[in-house]
């Protein structure tokens, strides 16, 4: 990713399909003050004194988070997920939720972390900071197959290792754009119970995707096999850096005492970031209150916008590469129904050298899919992100990309 950042700065005028950033046309700075005021009014209505309200904004807050109840309410409103507030840990973005969860679950080299591959680099990066080498489970064209995961789990056990957790983005995955079908979700939960591992569910693109979404793994979780890793970055306010973990599993510590896994995450967090910004939590809390207790109401326009951007990109690719030419060149792509990303298959190595040439000679940026394969793969695939571009940029960027692909395919 460092090379991609370097290329982005070197060619600032290139049209970039690289960043997975939310579109900023929906942000109104004045609304920040409105949301803070709404949160303060909520505290006052809940019986907080002026001094307590002041401390809720200015002081260090509780390590587990001061909007745990609001987050739990939002999961019930938006996702039909019913969890107690004490199982929620409010984190500094979803990235911290990943780090805390991995630190809590993986005790040593005999504990195995499995990840769906291609995989979001945030979790593999966090794993490696903790000296955890993730085991990749390859996705097929339609995403993860539980049969492949089961094979990988048995292979880990044969090596004398204990599979502890499996990380997956089941909805509109980053980077592939794949969505796990309902029957695979149900099979994954059964597999987790049968093989005794936890599922780390990360699904930040659901609320910003058009149409009815499949149930989350957590909402289907009757045996507390799912740790949900969440974020309000895509759905509400990326700059606030407010995420969360839902960890309602009952665990036993070395002294034989039982409690929630969330309590262990809080203990670790107290040694890492101490607490999540009280002001950021106040803004997000106010936004949730404004949305009737959830985030979905804020995302009617955004989901429509991102859905339009994805459809515009797919139509532009179809126009630039008619079917006969696609077959002749060996070019293809998937067709996600939501999210920010899609994958384009090309007949050449989509590596840093190709990216540099694409930027310099054709003025268009993308991300090599090989960045997202922890144990190799994706050498002939590139990722396109459609979230941050206008329709005009999508059309022009796709035309530039098509010219680059034709050139690279001939050489």
Protein backbone atom coordinates (compact mmCIF):
# COMPACT_ATOMS: atom_id res chain seq x y z
CA UNK A 1 0.00 0.00 0.00
CA UNK A 2 2.94 2.36 0.53
CA UNK A 3 3.69 2.25 -3.20
CA UNK A 4 0.06 3.09 -4.01
CA UNK A 5 0.19 6.09 -1.69
CA UNK A 6 3.43 7.23 -3.33
CA UNK A 7 1.94 6.96 -6.82
CA UNK A 8 -1.19 8.81 -5.72
CA UNK A 9 0.89 11.75 -4.49
CA UNK A 10 3.12 11.67 -7.57
CA UNK A 11 0.17 11.91 -9.98
CA UNK A 12 -2.44 14.07 -8.20
CA UNK A 13 -4.32 14.81 -11.44
CA UNK A 14 -4.90 11.14 -12.28
CA UNK A 15 -8.42 9.80 -11.88
CA UNK A 16 -8.22 7.38 -8.99
CA UNK A 17 -10.24 4.22 -8.56
CA UNK A 18 -7.98 3.38 -5.61
CA UNK A 19 -9.29 4.93 -2.36
CA UNK A 20 -12.20 3.34 -0.54
CA UNK A 21 -13.27 6.68 0.90
CA UNK A 22 -16.88 7.73 1.45
CA UNK A 23 -18.17 10.41 -0.90
CA UNK A 24 -17.88 13.75 0.89
CA UNK A 25 -20.72 15.51 -0.92
CA UNK A 26 -23.08 14.52 1.91
CA UNK A 27 -21.11 16.11 4.74
CA UNK A 28 -22.28 19.40 6.29
CA UNK A 29 -19.88 20.79 8.95
CA UNK A 30 -22.68 22.71 10.66
CA UNK A 31 -24.43 19.44 11.44
CA UNK A 32 -21.59 18.45 13.78
CA UNK A 33 -22.73 21.08 16.30
CA UNK A 34 -26.35 20.02 15.91
CA UNK A 35 -25.48 16.40 16.67
CA UNK A 36 -23.41 17.30 19.73
CA UNK A 37 -26.26 19.43 21.05
CA UNK A 38 -28.73 16.59 20.46
CA UNK A 39 -26.48 14.23 22.42
CA UNK A 40 -26.19 16.75 25.28
CA UNK A 41 -29.98 17.11 25.34
CA UNK A 42 -30.24 13.31 25.48
CA UNK A 43 -27.94 13.22 28.51
CA UNK A 44 -29.94 15.96 30.22
CA UNK A 45 -33.19 14.13 29.55
CA UNK A 46 -31.58 11.01 31.04
CA UNK A 47 -30.99 12.85 34.30
CA UNK A 48 -27.38 13.97 33.89
CA UNK A 49 -26.42 17.12 35.76
CA UNK A 50 -24.65 19.97 33.93
CA UNK A 51 -21.38 18.84 35.54
CA UNK A 52 -21.81 15.28 34.28
CA UNK A 53 -22.67 16.52 30.81
CA UNK A 54 -19.54 18.68 30.81
CA UNK A 55 -17.42 15.71 31.87
CA UNK A 56 -19.01 13.51 29.20
CA UNK A 57 -17.57 15.86 26.57
CA UNK A 58 -14.32 17.08 28.09
CA UNK A 59 -13.02 14.27 30.28
CA UNK A 60 -11.66 10.79 29.72
CA UNK A 61 -14.66 8.55 29.37
CA UNK A 62 -15.24 4.93 30.36
CA UNK A 63 -12.91 2.60 28.50
CA UNK A 64 -15.76 0.49 27.16
CA UNK A 65 -17.41 3.58 25.69
CA UNK A 66 -20.05 6.04 26.80
CA UNK A 67 -22.44 5.33 23.90
CA UNK A 68 -22.57 1.54 24.36
CA UNK A 69 -26.33 1.63 24.92
CA UNK A 70 -26.88 3.72 21.79
CA UNK A 71 -24.73 1.37 19.71
CA UNK A 72 -26.63 -1.66 21.03
CA UNK A 73 -29.92 0.11 20.21
CA UNK A 74 -28.70 0.88 16.68
CA UNK A 75 -27.90 -2.78 16.06
CA UNK A 76 -31.41 -3.69 17.12
CA UNK A 77 -33.00 -0.96 14.96
CA UNK A 78 -30.83 -1.45 11.87
CA UNK A 79 -29.99 -5.16 11.91
CA UNK A 80 -32.43 -6.92 14.22
CA UNK A 81 -29.45 -7.86 16.38
CA UNK A 82 -30.21 -8.04 20.09
CA UNK A 83 -27.17 -7.79 22.35
CA UNK A 84 -26.69 -6.29 25.83
CA UNK A 85 -24.91 -2.95 26.00
CA UNK A 86 -22.19 -4.44 28.20
CA UNK A 87 -21.15 -6.70 25.28
CA UNK A 88 -20.34 -3.61 23.16
CA UNK A 89 -16.88 -2.01 23.25
CA UNK A 90 -16.63 1.37 21.51
CA UNK A 91 -13.29 1.59 19.73
CA UNK A 92 -11.11 3.98 17.77
CA UNK A 93 -12.43 2.88 14.40
CA UNK A 94 -12.94 -0.73 13.43
CA UNK A 95 -9.17 -1.06 13.18
CA UNK A 96 -8.80 -0.98 16.95
CA UNK A 97 -11.66 -3.47 17.31
CA UNK A 98 -9.69 -5.87 15.12
CA UNK A 99 -6.47 -5.36 17.08
CA UNK A 100 -8.11 -5.86 20.48
CA UNK A 101 -9.98 -8.97 19.35
CA UNK A 102 -6.92 -10.61 17.83
CA UNK A 103 -4.87 -9.82 20.93
CA UNK A 104 -7.54 -11.39 23.13
CA UNK A 105 -8.08 -14.55 21.08
CA UNK A 106 -4.65 -15.50 19.75
CA UNK A 107 -2.41 -16.47 22.65
CA UNK A 108 0.53 -17.98 20.78
CA UNK A 109 1.78 -19.75 17.66
CA UNK A 110 -0.44 -22.78 18.23
CA UNK A 111 -3.54 -20.60 17.88
CA UNK A 112 -4.60 -20.11 14.26
CA UNK A 113 -6.30 -17.13 12.64
CA UNK A 114 -7.93 -17.94 9.32
CA UNK A 115 -8.99 -15.23 6.88
CA UNK A 116 -11.03 -15.17 3.71
CA UNK A 117 -8.68 -14.40 0.83
CA UNK A 118 -8.47 -11.88 -0.79
CA UNK A 119 -8.67 -10.11 2.54
CA UNK A 120 -8.91 -6.56 3.86
CA UNK A 121 -5.34 -5.48 4.63
CA UNK A 122 -6.33 -3.89 7.94
CA UNK A 123 -6.86 -7.22 9.66
CA UNK A 124 -3.80 -8.91 8.18
CA UNK A 125 -1.73 -5.87 9.09
CA UNK A 126 -3.03 -5.94 12.67
CA UNK A 127 -2.29 -9.66 12.84
CA UNK A 128 1.29 -9.19 11.78
CA UNK A 129 1.82 -6.40 14.31
CA UNK A 130 0.95 -9.08 16.89
CA UNK A 131 3.24 -11.67 15.25
CA UNK A 132 0.25 -13.64 13.99
CA UNK A 133 0.63 -15.24 10.57
CA UNK A 134 -2.89 -15.58 9.12
CA UNK A 135 -3.91 -18.66 7.15
CA UNK A 136 -5.62 -17.73 3.89
CA UNK A 137 -8.79 -19.48 2.71
CA UNK A 138 -9.25 -18.75 -0.98
CA UNK A 139 -12.57 -17.34 -2.17
CA UNK A 140 -14.12 -18.76 -5.31
CA UNK A 141 -15.81 -16.66 -8.01
CA UNK A 142 -18.94 -16.43 -5.83
CA UNK A 143 -17.02 -15.76 -2.61
CA UNK A 144 -16.22 -18.03 0.33
CA UNK A 145 -17.17 -21.70 0.27
CA UNK A 146 -17.54 -23.29 3.69
CA UNK A 147 -16.20 -26.57 2.32
CA UNK A 148 -12.87 -24.83 1.63
CA UNK A 149 -12.83 -23.34 5.12
CA UNK A 150 -13.49 -26.75 6.65
CA UNK A 151 -10.58 -28.21 4.70
CA UNK A 152 -8.30 -25.42 5.94
CA UNK A 153 -9.42 -25.96 9.54
CA UNK A 154 -8.64 -29.66 9.38
CA UNK A 155 -5.25 -28.90 7.86
CA UNK A 156 -4.49 -26.57 10.77
CA UNK A 157 -5.48 -29.23 13.28
CA UNK A 158 -3.28 -31.75 11.48
CA UNK A 159 -0.38 -29.33 12.03
CA UNK A 160 -1.10 -29.33 15.75
CA UNK A 161 -2.72 -25.91 15.74
CA UNK A 162 -6.03 -24.76 17.20
CA UNK A 163 -8.24 -22.70 14.87
CA UNK A 164 -9.44 -19.84 17.05
CA UNK A 165 -11.07 -17.40 14.66
CA UNK A 166 -12.08 -16.84 11.07
CA UNK A 167 -12.28 -13.29 9.67
CA UNK A 168 -14.71 -12.50 6.87
CA UNK A 169 -16.57 -9.58 5.27
CA UNK A 170 -19.80 -11.30 4.21
CA UNK A 171 -21.41 -8.30 2.49
CA UNK A 172 -19.90 -6.49 -0.53
CA UNK A 173 -16.42 -7.47 0.57
CA UNK A 174 -13.34 -5.31 0.43
CA UNK A 175 -11.58 -5.99 -1.90
CA UNK A 176 -13.54 -8.40 -4.07
CA UNK A 177 -17.07 -7.03 -3.77
CA UNK A 178 -18.39 -10.56 -3.13
CA UNK A 179 -21.46 -11.21 -0.95
CA UNK A 180 -21.93 -14.47 0.92
CA UNK A 181 -25.26 -16.19 0.10
CA UNK A 182 -27.68 -16.92 2.92
CA UNK A 183 -27.14 -20.68 2.78
CA UNK A 184 -23.36 -20.19 3.18
CA UNK A 185 -23.95 -17.92 6.18
CA UNK A 186 -26.06 -20.57 7.81
CA UNK A 187 -23.51 -23.26 6.98
CA UNK A 188 -20.67 -21.09 8.34
CA UNK A 189 -22.45 -20.73 11.70
CA UNK A 190 -22.97 -24.50 11.88
CA UNK A 191 -19.31 -25.07 11.00
CA UNK A 192 -18.17 -22.65 13.71
CA UNK A 193 -20.22 -24.51 16.31
CA UNK A 194 -19.08 -27.92 15.09
CA UNK A 195 -15.38 -27.02 14.89
CA UNK A 196 -15.36 -24.68 17.90
CA UNK A 197 -14.05 -21.40 16.50
CA UNK A 198 -15.28 -17.80 16.48
CA UNK A 199 -16.30 -15.83 13.40
CA UNK A 200 -15.02 -12.26 13.17
CA UNK A 201 -17.69 -10.52 11.11
CA UNK A 202 -16.72 -7.17 9.58
CA UNK A 203 -19.46 -5.66 7.44
CA UNK A 204 -19.15 -1.88 6.98
CA UNK A 205 -20.84 -1.61 3.59
CA UNK A 206 -24.33 -2.95 4.34
CA UNK A 207 -26.04 0.32 5.24
CA UNK A 208 -24.51 2.20 2.32
CA UNK A 209 -25.66 -0.39 -0.24
CA UNK A 210 -28.99 -0.25 -2.08
CA UNK A 211 -31.80 -2.72 -1.62
CA UNK A 212 -32.65 -5.24 1.05
CA UNK A 213 -29.57 -6.81 2.63
CA UNK A 214 -29.14 -10.38 3.78
CA UNK A 215 -29.14 -10.93 7.56
CA UNK A 216 -25.84 -10.33 9.31
CA UNK A 217 -24.07 -13.34 10.74
CA UNK A 218 -24.50 -11.82 14.19
CA UNK A 219 -28.26 -11.51 13.79
CA UNK A 220 -28.36 -15.24 12.92
CA UNK A 221 -26.01 -16.19 15.74
CA UNK A 222 -27.89 -18.31 18.25
CA UNK A 223 -24.78 -19.76 19.93
CA UNK A 224 -22.61 -16.66 20.38
CA UNK A 225 -20.14 -17.77 17.74
CA UNK A 226 -19.84 -14.33 16.10
CA UNK A 227 -17.77 -11.36 17.24
CA UNK A 228 -19.06 -8.43 15.26
CA UNK A 229 -16.50 -5.79 14.29
CA UNK A 230 -18.25 -2.60 13.26
CA UNK A 231 -17.71 0.99 12.25
CA UNK A 232 -19.66 4.17 11.65
CA UNK A 233 -17.02 5.43 9.21
CA UNK A 234 -18.91 4.51 6.06
CA UNK A 235 -22.44 5.03 7.35
CA UNK A 236 -22.14 8.22 9.45
CA UNK A 237 -18.88 10.09 9.96
CA UNK A 238 -15.47 8.77 8.81
CA UNK A 239 -13.48 11.49 10.58
CA UNK A 240 -14.93 10.64 13.97
CA UNK A 241 -13.08 7.30 13.96
CA UNK A 242 -15.74 5.52 16.01
CA UNK A 243 -16.04 1.76 15.70
CA UNK A 244 -17.12 -1.04 17.98
CA UNK A 245 -16.83 -4.72 18.80
CA UNK A 246 -19.76 -6.84 19.93
CA UNK A 247 -18.25 -9.63 22.03
CA UNK A 248 -21.01 -11.34 24.02
CA UNK A 249 -19.18 -14.65 24.42
CA UNK A 250 -18.81 -15.95 27.98
CA UNK A 251 -15.15 -16.68 28.74
CA UNK A 252 -13.19 -17.94 31.74
CA UNK A 253 -9.94 -16.30 32.84
CA UNK A 254 -6.84 -18.00 34.26
CA UNK A 255 -8.24 -17.67 37.79
CA UNK A 256 -11.46 -19.46 36.84
CA UNK A 257 -13.65 -16.34 36.84
CA UNK A 258 -16.24 -16.00 34.09
CA UNK A 259 -17.24 -12.86 32.23
CA UNK A 260 -17.84 -11.53 28.76
CA UNK A 261 -15.16 -11.42 26.08
CA UNK A 262 -16.01 -7.71 25.88
CA UNK A 263 -14.56 -7.28 29.37
CA UNK A 264 -11.23 -8.66 28.17
CA UNK A 265 -11.28 -6.29 25.20
CA UNK A 266 -11.89 -3.40 27.60
CA UNK A 267 -8.92 -4.50 29.71
CA UNK A 268 -6.64 -4.56 26.67
CA UNK A 269 -7.98 -1.25 25.38
CA UNK A 270 -7.17 0.37 28.72
CA UNK A 271 -3.50 -0.29 27.92
CA UNK A 272 -3.73 0.85 24.27
CA UNK A 273 -5.93 3.92 23.73
CA UNK A 274 -7.52 4.22 27.22
CA UNK A 275 -10.78 5.46 25.74
CA UNK A 276 -12.35 6.51 22.45
CA UNK A 277 -12.69 10.27 21.95
CA UNK A 278 -15.61 11.52 24.01
CA UNK A 279 -16.34 14.26 21.48
CA UNK A 280 -16.38 11.78 18.59
CA UNK A 281 -18.74 9.55 20.54
CA UNK A 282 -20.99 12.55 21.23
CA UNK A 283 -21.28 13.37 17.52
CA UNK A 284 -22.00 9.76 16.54
CA UNK A 285 -24.42 9.39 19.46
CA UNK A 286 -26.28 12.49 18.32
CA UNK A 287 -26.45 11.15 14.77
CA UNK A 288 -27.89 7.84 15.97
CA UNK A 289 -30.50 9.68 18.02
CA UNK A 290 -31.39 11.78 14.97
CA UNK A 291 -31.88 8.61 12.96
CA UNK A 292 -34.51 7.17 15.26
CA UNK A 293 -31.89 5.16 17.11
CA UNK A 294 -30.10 3.77 14.05
CA UNK A 295 -27.79 4.70 11.19
CA UNK A 296 -29.90 3.33 8.33
CA UNK A 297 -32.15 6.39 8.13
CA UNK A 298 -29.11 8.58 7.42
CA UNK A 299 -28.13 6.42 4.47
CA UNK A 300 -31.10 6.47 2.12
CA UNK A 301 -29.39 8.99 -0.18
CA UNK A 302 -25.91 7.60 0.31
CA UNK A 303 -26.98 4.05 -0.55
CA UNK A 304 -28.69 5.35 -3.68
CA UNK A 305 -25.56 7.33 -4.60
CA UNK A 306 -23.19 4.39 -4.18
CA UNK A 307 -25.57 2.07 -6.00
CA UNK A 308 -25.70 4.53 -8.90
CA UNK A 309 -21.90 4.79 -8.90
CA UNK A 310 -21.52 1.01 -9.08
CA UNK A 311 -24.08 0.68 -11.89
CA UNK A 312 -22.48 3.56 -13.78
CA UNK A 313 -19.07 1.87 -13.55
CA UNK A 314 -20.42 -1.48 -14.71
CA UNK A 315 -22.20 0.14 -17.66
CA UNK A 316 -19.05 2.07 -18.56
CA UNK A 317 -17.00 -1.14 -18.54
CA UNK A 318 -19.58 -2.82 -20.77
CA UNK A 319 -19.45 0.09 -23.19
CA UNK A 320 -15.64 0.20 -23.27
CA UNK A 321 -15.29 -3.57 -23.64
CA UNK A 322 -17.95 -5.16 -25.86
CA UNK A 323 -18.43 -8.89 -25.25
CA UNK A 324 -16.41 -10.01 -28.27
CA UNK A 325 -13.44 -7.86 -27.28
CA UNK A 326 -13.63 -9.05 -23.68
CA UNK A 327 -13.38 -12.63 -24.80
CA UNK A 328 -10.53 -11.87 -27.19
CA UNK A 329 -8.53 -9.98 -24.57
CA UNK A 330 -9.37 -12.23 -21.62
CA UNK A 331 -10.87 -9.34 -19.64
CA UNK A 332 -13.76 -9.73 -17.21
CA UNK A 333 -15.21 -8.40 -13.97
CA UNK A 334 -17.70 -9.27 -11.29
CA UNK A 335 -20.96 -7.38 -10.76
CA UNK A 336 -21.46 -6.50 -7.09
CA UNK A 337 -24.91 -5.39 -6.01
CA UNK A 338 -23.53 -2.87 -3.51
CA UNK A 339 -20.49 -1.71 -1.61
CA UNK A 340 -17.56 0.27 -2.94
CA UNK A 341 -15.47 -2.29 -4.85
CA UNK A 342 -15.35 -4.56 -7.85
CA UNK A 343 -12.64 -6.79 -9.30
CA UNK A 344 -11.41 -6.67 -12.92
CA UNK A 345 -9.54 -9.64 -14.39
CA UNK A 346 -6.82 -8.72 -16.92
CA UNK A 347 -4.43 -10.75 -19.12
CA UNK A 348 -1.25 -9.19 -17.74
CA UNK A 349 0.46 -8.81 -14.38
CA UNK A 350 -1.45 -6.11 -12.50
CA UNK A 351 1.53 -5.17 -10.36
CA UNK A 352 3.29 -2.00 -9.22
CA UNK A 353 5.05 -1.61 -12.56
CA UNK A 354 1.73 -1.73 -14.40
CA UNK A 355 0.18 0.68 -11.91
CA UNK A 356 3.00 3.19 -12.38
CA UNK A 357 2.61 3.05 -16.16
CA UNK A 358 -1.16 3.38 -15.90
CA UNK A 359 -0.75 6.52 -13.79
CA UNK A 360 2.04 8.12 -15.81
CA UNK A 361 0.88 7.41 -19.36
CA UNK A 362 -2.89 7.09 -19.00
CA UNK A 363 -3.76 9.16 -15.92
CA UNK A 364 -5.73 6.49 -14.09
CA UNK A 365 -5.09 4.72 -10.77
CA UNK A 366 -6.35 1.42 -9.36
CA UNK A 367 -5.20 -1.07 -6.74
CA UNK A 368 -3.37 -4.33 -7.50
CA UNK A 369 -5.45 -7.15 -6.07
CA UNK A 370 -2.28 -8.98 -5.09
CA UNK A 371 -1.99 -6.55 -2.16
CA UNK A 372 -4.94 -8.35 -0.57
CA UNK A 373 -3.73 -11.96 -0.78
CA UNK A 374 -1.87 -12.86 2.45
CA UNK A 375 -0.23 -15.94 0.91
CA UNK A 376 0.00 -15.01 -2.77
CA UNK A 377 -2.55 -14.66 -5.54
CA UNK A 378 -4.50 -12.07 -7.48
CA UNK A 379 -1.62 -11.27 -9.83
CA UNK A 380 -3.94 -10.73 -12.82
CA UNK A 381 -6.72 -8.84 -11.04
CA UNK A 382 -7.13 -5.19 -10.12
CA UNK A 383 -9.55 -3.60 -7.67
CA UNK A 384 -11.68 -0.61 -8.61
CA UNK A 385 -13.27 1.57 -5.96
CA UNK A 386 -16.27 3.58 -7.15
CA UNK A 387 -17.23 5.40 -3.95
CA UNK A 388 -15.36 8.68 -4.24
CA UNK A 389 -15.83 9.57 -7.92
CA UNK A 390 -18.42 11.62 -9.75
CA UNK A 391 -20.19 10.02 -12.70
CA UNK A 392 -18.16 12.19 -15.07
CA UNK A 393 -14.93 10.94 -13.50
CA UNK A 394 -16.17 7.36 -13.67
CA UNK A 395 -16.83 7.66 -17.41
CA UNK A 396 -13.51 9.35 -18.16
CA UNK A 397 -11.57 7.10 -15.78
CA UNK A 398 -13.05 3.95 -17.27
CA UNK A 399 -12.16 5.13 -20.79
CA UNK A 400 -8.56 5.76 -19.66
CA UNK A 401 -8.46 2.37 -17.95
CA UNK A 402 -9.69 0.66 -21.12
CA UNK A 403 -6.94 2.29 -23.17
CA UNK A 404 -4.37 1.16 -20.64
CA UNK A 405 -5.67 -2.42 -20.55
CA UNK A 406 -5.60 -2.69 -24.34
CA UNK A 407 -2.04 -1.42 -24.43
CA UNK A 408 -0.86 -3.68 -21.61
CA UNK A 409 -2.59 -6.71 -23.16
CA UNK A 410 -0.62 -6.22 -26.42
CA UNK A 411 2.69 -6.11 -24.60
